[in-house]
């Protein structure tokens, strides 16, 4: 794919791969502006559900929000492979940040509040993320904020794909109600955000397990542990 062109964007580097497909960095041939292009796996590309993802992409692209990565295009290549082109976010993922250690209550509150505001703005346009997880939240420098940092949520427009292919979602942040055939709603994203807050507060996920099914079943059947069982000195506000 290196050097290939998609529209006016030319692919420069491979960013990584996930359950949905591969992500690539590309640059606009005229302006040099950077974007991320996600190329989807064959079964997703061929699914009629992707057309709903295109509609979600159009809806979220109309939301002007500093914590939502803009989407520029969503379509199929000539070979039938589906793609979405969005902002390239120059920062570190929350997954990387969590690896550094526990966050203070102030840091945690700032991250959760910024993310919640983005999710609310998207939900107002009928777009539910359905795959909110630390690797989809990026921290970028922003001197205009008191904290000096801004959260950017990526990979919107894939909510309908998660409902069609739930096993591609991360079980550690997946609400029990997220099952095939159920219309996504904002509570699904709120649940995931609660799981992230728990992990930021005590440096471990709500539930652990050795397989996707094990973790998923715990979210469906088990009561979540109390944060203070891991962090006895957790503040009342947290």
Foldseek 3Di string as FASTA:
>chain_A
DQQDDDPQWGFHAWPAAALFGTKTWTAGNPPRAIKIKGWGDPVLLPDPLQVQLQVLLVLLQVQDDPQEWHWDGWDADPVSITMTITHDDPFAFQVVVLVVDADDPVVLVQQLVLVVVSQVSSVVSVWHQQADDRRQWGWDADPVDPVRIHIHGDRTSCNSVCLVVVLRHQLLQAALPSHHPDRDHSVRVVSSSVQVSLCNHQVDGQDDDDDSVVSNVCNNPPDTDDSCVRVVPDDPVD
